[in-house]
Amino acid sequence: MSQLLVDDIVNKDDTGSPEFSKGVRVTGVGTFSSDLEVAGNLNVTGDITYDEVSGRNLSISGITTVKTFGATGISTV
């Protein structure tokens, strides 16, 4: 197995972060200490746990447990 051990990764002009035009695959745990922005679809296999959720056009299917339900506008439950 190959290893890459570095203190810093920058683009070839040393002006910012590198771009990965062919994608990146991370095996193991990925930890982000700031925001994570996804442009496009985010496909997740497994469970997702949220601290707070805010969404527009949120579709939930299956069994749902709701402690407090607040709605503004039209709701179908």
C-alpha atoms as a PDB file:
ATOM      1  CA  MET A   1       0.000   0.000   0.000  1.00  0.00           C
ATOM      2  CA  SER A   2       1.262   3.494  -0.853  1.00  0.00           C
ATOM      3  CA  GLN A   3       1.328   6.344   1.643  1.00  0.00           C
ATOM      4  CA  LEU A   4       1.416  10.077   1.101  1.00  0.00           C
ATOM      5  CA  LEU A   5       2.600  12.026   4.142  1.00  0.00           C
ATOM      6  CA  VAL A   6       2.600  15.813   3.752  1.00  0.00           C
ATOM      7  CA  ASP A   7       2.030  18.932   5.840  1.00  0.00           C
ATOM      8  CA  ASP A   8       0.334  20.984   3.108  1.00  0.00           C
ATOM      9  CA  ILE A   9      -1.178  20.450  -0.357  1.00  0.00           C
ATOM     10  CA  VAL A  10      -1.616  23.401  -2.741  1.00  0.00           C
ATOM     11  CA  ASN A  11      -2.242  23.772  -6.462  1.00  0.00           C
ATOM     12  CA  LYS A  12       0.714  23.819  -8.845  1.00  0.00           C
ATOM     13  CA  ASP A  13       0.886  27.648  -8.763  1.00  0.00           C
ATOM     14  CA  ASP A  14       0.816  27.644  -4.926  1.00  0.00           C
ATOM     15  CA  THR A  15      -2.197  29.985  -5.012  1.00  0.00           C
ATOM     16  CA  GLY A  16      -4.825  27.822  -3.369  1.00  0.00           C
ATOM     17  CA  SER A  17      -6.303  24.385  -2.998  1.00  0.00           C
ATOM     18  CA  PRO A  18      -5.769  21.708  -5.637  1.00  0.00           C
ATOM     19  CA  GLU A  19      -8.605  20.552  -7.906  1.00  0.00           C
ATOM     20  CA  PHE A  20      -9.302  16.892  -8.546  1.00  0.00           C
ATOM     21  CA  SER A  21     -10.899  16.743 -11.985  1.00  0.00           C
ATOM     22  CA  LYS A  22     -11.139  12.936 -11.951  1.00  0.00           C
ATOM     23  CA  GLY A  23     -12.539  12.712  -8.415  1.00  0.00           C
ATOM     24  CA  VAL A  24     -11.232  11.622  -5.047  1.00  0.00           C
ATOM     25  CA  ARG A  25     -11.941   8.411  -3.169  1.00  0.00           C
ATOM     26  CA  VAL A  26     -11.392   8.339   0.578  1.00  0.00           C
ATOM     27  CA  THR A  27     -11.483   5.037   2.423  1.00  0.00           C
ATOM     28  CA  GLY A  28     -11.909   5.336   6.153  1.00  0.00           C
ATOM     29  CA  VAL A  29     -13.109   8.335   8.122  1.00  0.00           C
ATOM     30  CA  GLY A  30     -13.177  11.792   6.517  1.00  0.00           C
ATOM     31  CA  THR A  31     -13.229  14.656   8.997  1.00  0.00           C
ATOM     32  CA  PHE A  32     -14.014  18.246   8.020  1.00  0.00           C
ATOM     33  CA  SER A  33     -13.397  21.049  10.484  1.00  0.00           C
ATOM     34  CA  SER A  34     -15.390  23.680   8.596  1.00  0.00           C
ATOM     35  CA  ASP A  35     -18.199  23.762   6.029  1.00  0.00           C
ATOM     36  CA  LEU A  36     -18.589  21.071   3.397  1.00  0.00           C
ATOM     37  CA  GLU A  37     -20.119  22.241   0.139  1.00  0.00           C
ATOM     38  CA  VAL A  38     -21.460  19.730  -2.372  1.00  0.00           C
ATOM     39  CA  ALA A  39     -22.311  20.936  -5.875  1.00  0.00           C
ATOM     40  CA  GLY A  40     -24.507  18.209  -7.312  1.00  0.00           C
ATOM     41  CA  ASN A  41     -26.057  15.139  -5.742  1.00  0.00           C
ATOM     42  CA  LEU A  42     -24.989  13.688  -2.408  1.00  0.00           C
ATOM     43  CA  ASN A  43     -25.585   9.947  -2.327  1.00  0.00           C
ATOM     44  CA  VAL A  44     -25.291   8.282   1.075  1.00  0.00           C
ATOM     45  CA  THR A  45     -25.426   4.581   1.866  1.00  0.00           C
ATOM     46  CA  GLY A  46     -26.186   3.972   5.524  1.00  0.00           C
ATOM     47  CA  ASP A  47     -27.695   6.094   8.261  1.00  0.00           C
ATOM     48  CA  ILE A  48     -27.575   9.886   8.544  1.00  0.00           C
ATOM     49  CA  THR A  49     -27.785  11.684  11.883  1.00  0.00           C
ATOM     50  CA  TYR A  50     -28.559  15.406  12.029  1.00  0.00           C
ATOM     51  CA  ASP A  51     -28.374  17.898  14.869  1.00  0.00           C
ATOM     52  CA  GLU A  52     -30.775  20.306  13.126  1.00  0.00           C
ATOM     53  CA  VAL A  53     -32.525  20.020   9.766  1.00  0.00           C
ATOM     54  CA  SER A  54     -33.939  22.767   7.613  1.00  0.00           C
ATOM     55  CA  GLY A  55     -35.208  21.909   4.160  1.00  0.00           C
ATOM     56  CA  ARG A  56     -37.374  22.941   1.255  1.00  0.00           C
ATOM     57  CA  ASN A  57     -39.422  20.287  -0.563  1.00  0.00           C
ATOM     58  CA  LEU A  58     -38.375  17.670   1.998  1.00  0.00           C
ATOM     59  CA  SER A  59     -39.708  14.202   1.213  1.00  0.00           C
ATOM     60  CA  ILE A  60     -39.612  11.578   3.959  1.00  0.00           C
ATOM     61  CA  SER A  61     -40.822   8.043   3.367  1.00  0.00           C
ATOM     62  CA  GLY A  62     -41.055   5.112   5.740  1.00  0.00           C
ATOM     63  CA  ILE A  63     -41.555   5.228   9.498  1.00  0.00           C
ATOM     64  CA  THR A  64     -40.948   8.659  11.029  1.00  0.00           C
ATOM     65  CA  THR A  65     -40.909   9.641  14.682  1.00  0.00           C
ATOM     66  CA  VAL A  66     -41.568  13.336  15.280  1.00  0.00           C
ATOM     67  CA  LYS A  67     -41.343  14.906  18.748  1.00  0.00           C
ATOM     68  CA  THR A  68     -42.565  18.372  17.745  1.00  0.00           C
ATOM     69  CA  PHE A  69     -44.119  19.211  14.379  1.00  0.00           C
ATOM     70  CA  GLY A  70     -44.440  22.834  13.351  1.00  0.00           C
ATOM     71  CA  ALA A  71     -45.630  23.832   9.901  1.00  0.00           C
ATOM     72  CA  THR A  72     -46.306  27.059   8.053  1.00  0.00           C
ATOM     73  CA  GLY A  73     -48.533  26.801   5.013  1.00  0.00           C
ATOM     74  CA  ILE A  74     -50.151  23.634   3.668  1.00  0.00           C
ATOM     75  CA  SER A  75     -49.215  20.310   5.266  1.00  0.00           C
ATOM     76  CA  THR A  76     -50.386  16.798   4.477  1.00  0.00           C
ATOM     77  CA  VAL A  77     -49.736  14.275   7.214  1.00  0.00           C
END
